Amino acid sequence: MTRRGLLTDRERELIQADNLEGDELDRRYQAVSRVRTKIEGRLADDVDILKRSHPELYNELQEAVCDE
């Protein structure tokens, strides 16, 4: 079983899609809003927990998302 990361498969589809119109464009805006809520909510809390309680995992996360 493959677990998802931040985005669901459908959110990935909508965010990556070009030339959306009508209902699909509305769904894309909704997906963006849901992802933003995740980032500002539980994800931020989880990152803070890792930073304080497991610095090694925090560093691994930072390396994965903060590529230079």
N, C-alpha and C. Protein backbone atom coordinates (compact mmCIF):
# COMPACT_ATOMS: atom_id res chain seq x y z
N MET A 1 0.84 -1.18 0.00
CA MET A 1 0.00 0.00 0.00
C MET A 1 0.89 1.25 0.00
N THR A 2 0.64 2.14 -0.92
CA THR A 2 1.38 3.38 -1.00
C THR A 2 0.60 4.47 -0.27
N ARG A 3 1.27 5.12 0.63
CA ARG A 3 0.63 6.22 1.36
C ARG A 3 0.88 7.52 0.60
N ARG A 4 -0.02 8.45 0.78
CA ARG A 4 0.15 9.72 0.09
C ARG A 4 0.98 10.67 0.93
N GLY A 5 1.48 11.69 0.27
CA GLY A 5 2.20 12.74 0.96
C GLY A 5 1.24 13.85 1.31
N LEU A 6 1.57 15.03 0.97
CA LEU A 6 0.73 16.19 1.26
C LEU A 6 -0.51 16.21 0.38
N LEU A 7 -0.37 15.83 -0.89
CA LEU A 7 -1.46 15.92 -1.85
C LEU A 7 -2.12 14.57 -2.09
N THR A 8 -3.43 14.60 -2.29
CA THR A 8 -4.13 13.41 -2.76
C THR A 8 -3.85 13.29 -4.26
N ASP A 9 -4.17 12.13 -4.83
CA ASP A 9 -3.99 11.96 -6.27
C ASP A 9 -4.82 12.98 -7.04
N ARG A 10 -6.04 13.22 -6.61
CA ARG A 10 -6.92 14.17 -7.30
C ARG A 10 -6.38 15.60 -7.19
N GLU A 11 -5.87 15.98 -6.02
CA GLU A 11 -5.28 17.31 -5.87
C GLU A 11 -4.08 17.47 -6.80
N ARG A 12 -3.29 16.43 -6.93
CA ARG A 12 -2.15 16.47 -7.87
C ARG A 12 -2.64 16.72 -9.29
N GLU A 13 -3.65 15.97 -9.70
CA GLU A 13 -4.20 16.12 -11.05
C GLU A 13 -4.66 17.55 -11.30
N LEU A 14 -5.46 18.06 -10.38
CA LEU A 14 -6.04 19.40 -10.56
C LEU A 14 -4.98 20.48 -10.56
N ILE A 15 -4.02 20.39 -9.66
CA ILE A 15 -3.01 21.43 -9.55
C ILE A 15 -2.06 21.42 -10.75
N GLN A 16 -1.79 20.25 -11.31
CA GLN A 16 -0.88 20.15 -12.45
C GLN A 16 -1.55 20.43 -13.79
N ALA A 17 -2.86 20.36 -13.83
CA ALA A 17 -3.58 20.47 -15.10
C ALA A 17 -3.49 21.88 -15.68
N ASP A 18 -3.44 21.92 -17.00
CA ASP A 18 -3.47 23.19 -17.73
C ASP A 18 -4.84 23.33 -18.41
N ASN A 19 -5.22 24.56 -18.70
CA ASN A 19 -6.42 24.85 -19.49
C ASN A 19 -7.71 24.30 -18.89
N LEU A 20 -7.87 24.39 -17.59
CA LEU A 20 -9.12 23.96 -16.96
C LEU A 20 -10.18 25.03 -17.16
N GLU A 21 -11.42 24.58 -17.24
CA GLU A 21 -12.54 25.50 -17.41
C GLU A 21 -13.70 25.05 -16.53
N GLY A 22 -14.60 25.96 -16.24
CA GLY A 22 -15.85 25.64 -15.57
C GLY A 22 -15.67 24.94 -14.24
N ASP A 23 -16.38 23.82 -14.08
CA ASP A 23 -16.37 23.09 -12.81
C ASP A 23 -14.97 22.60 -12.45
N GLU A 24 -14.20 22.19 -13.43
CA GLU A 24 -12.85 21.70 -13.16
C GLU A 24 -11.96 22.82 -12.61
N LEU A 25 -12.14 24.02 -13.13
CA LEU A 25 -11.37 25.16 -12.62
C LEU A 25 -11.78 25.46 -11.18
N ASP A 26 -13.08 25.38 -10.90
CA ASP A 26 -13.56 25.56 -9.52
C ASP A 26 -12.96 24.50 -8.60
N ARG A 27 -12.91 23.27 -9.07
CA ARG A 27 -12.33 22.19 -8.27
C ARG A 27 -10.84 22.43 -8.00
N ARG A 28 -10.17 23.02 -8.98
CA ARG A 28 -8.76 23.34 -8.77
C ARG A 28 -8.60 24.38 -7.68
N TYR A 29 -9.41 25.43 -7.70
CA TYR A 29 -9.35 26.45 -6.65
C TYR A 29 -9.63 25.82 -5.28
N GLN A 30 -10.59 24.90 -5.22
CA GLN A 30 -10.91 24.21 -3.97
C GLN A 30 -9.73 23.36 -3.50
N ALA A 31 -9.08 22.68 -4.44
CA ALA A 31 -7.93 21.85 -4.09
C ALA A 31 -6.80 22.71 -3.53
N VAL A 32 -6.55 23.83 -4.16
CA VAL A 32 -5.50 24.75 -3.70
C VAL A 32 -5.83 25.23 -2.28
N SER A 33 -7.08 25.54 -2.04
CA SER A 33 -7.51 25.99 -0.72
C SER A 33 -7.30 24.89 0.33
N ARG A 34 -7.66 23.65 -0.02
CA ARG A 34 -7.48 22.53 0.91
C ARG A 34 -6.01 22.33 1.24
N VAL A 35 -5.16 22.39 0.24
CA VAL A 35 -3.73 22.20 0.46
C VAL A 35 -3.18 23.33 1.32
N ARG A 36 -3.59 24.54 1.06
CA ARG A 36 -3.15 25.67 1.87
C ARG A 36 -3.55 25.48 3.34
N THR A 37 -4.76 24.99 3.56
CA THR A 37 -5.23 24.74 4.92
C THR A 37 -4.38 23.67 5.59
N LYS A 38 -4.02 22.62 4.85
CA LYS A 38 -3.15 21.58 5.39
C LYS A 38 -1.80 22.15 5.80
N ILE A 39 -1.23 22.97 4.92
CA ILE A 39 0.10 23.55 5.18
C ILE A 39 0.07 24.43 6.41
N GLU A 40 -0.95 25.25 6.53
CA GLU A 40 -1.04 26.20 7.63
C GLU A 40 -1.48 25.54 8.93
N GLY A 41 -2.05 24.35 8.86
CA GLY A 41 -2.59 23.70 10.05
C GLY A 41 -1.72 22.57 10.55
N ARG A 42 -2.17 21.36 10.30
CA ARG A 42 -1.52 20.18 10.85
C ARG A 42 -0.07 20.02 10.40
N LEU A 43 0.22 20.36 9.17
CA LEU A 43 1.59 20.20 8.69
C LEU A 43 2.55 21.08 9.49
N ALA A 44 2.16 22.32 9.71
CA ALA A 44 3.00 23.23 10.49
C ALA A 44 3.20 22.68 11.90
N ASP A 45 2.14 22.14 12.49
CA ASP A 45 2.25 21.54 13.83
C ASP A 45 3.20 20.34 13.82
N ASP A 46 3.05 19.49 12.81
CA ASP A 46 3.89 18.29 12.70
C ASP A 46 5.37 18.67 12.55
N VAL A 47 5.64 19.67 11.74
CA VAL A 47 7.03 20.11 11.54
C VAL A 47 7.60 20.63 12.85
N ASP A 48 6.80 21.38 13.59
CA ASP A 48 7.27 21.90 14.88
C ASP A 48 7.57 20.77 15.85
N ILE A 49 6.73 19.74 15.88
CA ILE A 49 6.97 18.58 16.74
C ILE A 49 8.28 17.90 16.36
N LEU A 50 8.50 17.69 15.07
CA LEU A 50 9.75 17.07 14.63
C LEU A 50 10.96 17.92 15.02
N LYS A 51 10.83 19.20 14.83
CA LYS A 51 11.95 20.11 15.13
C LYS A 51 12.33 20.02 16.60
N ARG A 52 11.34 19.98 17.48
CA ARG A 52 11.60 19.96 18.92
C ARG A 52 11.94 18.56 19.44
N SER A 53 11.28 17.54 18.91
CA SER A 53 11.36 16.22 19.53
C SER A 53 12.22 15.20 18.78
N HIS A 54 12.45 15.44 17.49
CA HIS A 54 13.27 14.49 16.73
C HIS A 54 14.02 15.24 15.64
N PRO A 55 15.07 15.95 16.04
CA PRO A 55 15.82 16.80 15.09
C PRO A 55 16.33 16.05 13.86
N GLU A 56 16.65 14.77 14.02
CA GLU A 56 17.15 14.01 12.87
C GLU A 56 16.07 13.90 11.79
N LEU A 57 14.84 13.56 12.18
CA LEU A 57 13.74 13.51 11.21
C LEU A 57 13.44 14.89 10.65
N TYR A 58 13.52 15.90 11.49
CA TYR A 58 13.31 17.27 11.02
C TYR A 58 14.32 17.62 9.93
N ASN A 59 15.57 17.26 10.13
CA ASN A 59 16.61 17.54 9.13
C ASN A 59 16.34 16.79 7.83
N GLU A 60 15.89 15.53 7.95
CA GLU A 60 15.56 14.76 6.75
C GLU A 60 14.42 15.40 5.98
N LEU A 61 13.41 15.86 6.70
CA LEU A 61 12.29 16.55 6.06
C LEU A 61 12.76 17.82 5.38
N GLN A 62 13.56 18.57 6.08
CA GLN A 62 14.08 19.83 5.53
C GLN A 62 14.88 19.57 4.25
N GLU A 63 15.69 18.54 4.23
CA GLU A 63 16.47 18.20 3.04
C GLU A 63 15.55 17.79 1.88
N ALA A 64 14.46 17.10 2.19
CA ALA A 64 13.55 16.64 1.15
C ALA A 64 12.76 17.78 0.51
N VAL A 65 12.41 18.80 1.28
CA VAL A 65 11.56 19.85 0.74
C VAL A 65 12.29 21.16 0.42
N CYS A 66 13.49 21.31 0.90
CA CYS A 66 14.22 22.56 0.71
C CYS A 66 15.44 22.33 -0.18
N ASP A 67 15.20 21.85 -1.38
CA ASP A 67 16.33 21.61 -2.28
C ASP A 67 16.94 22.92 -2.74
N GLU A 68 18.23 22.91 -2.89
CA GLU A 68 18.93 24.13 -3.31
C GLU A 68 19.48 23.97 -4.69
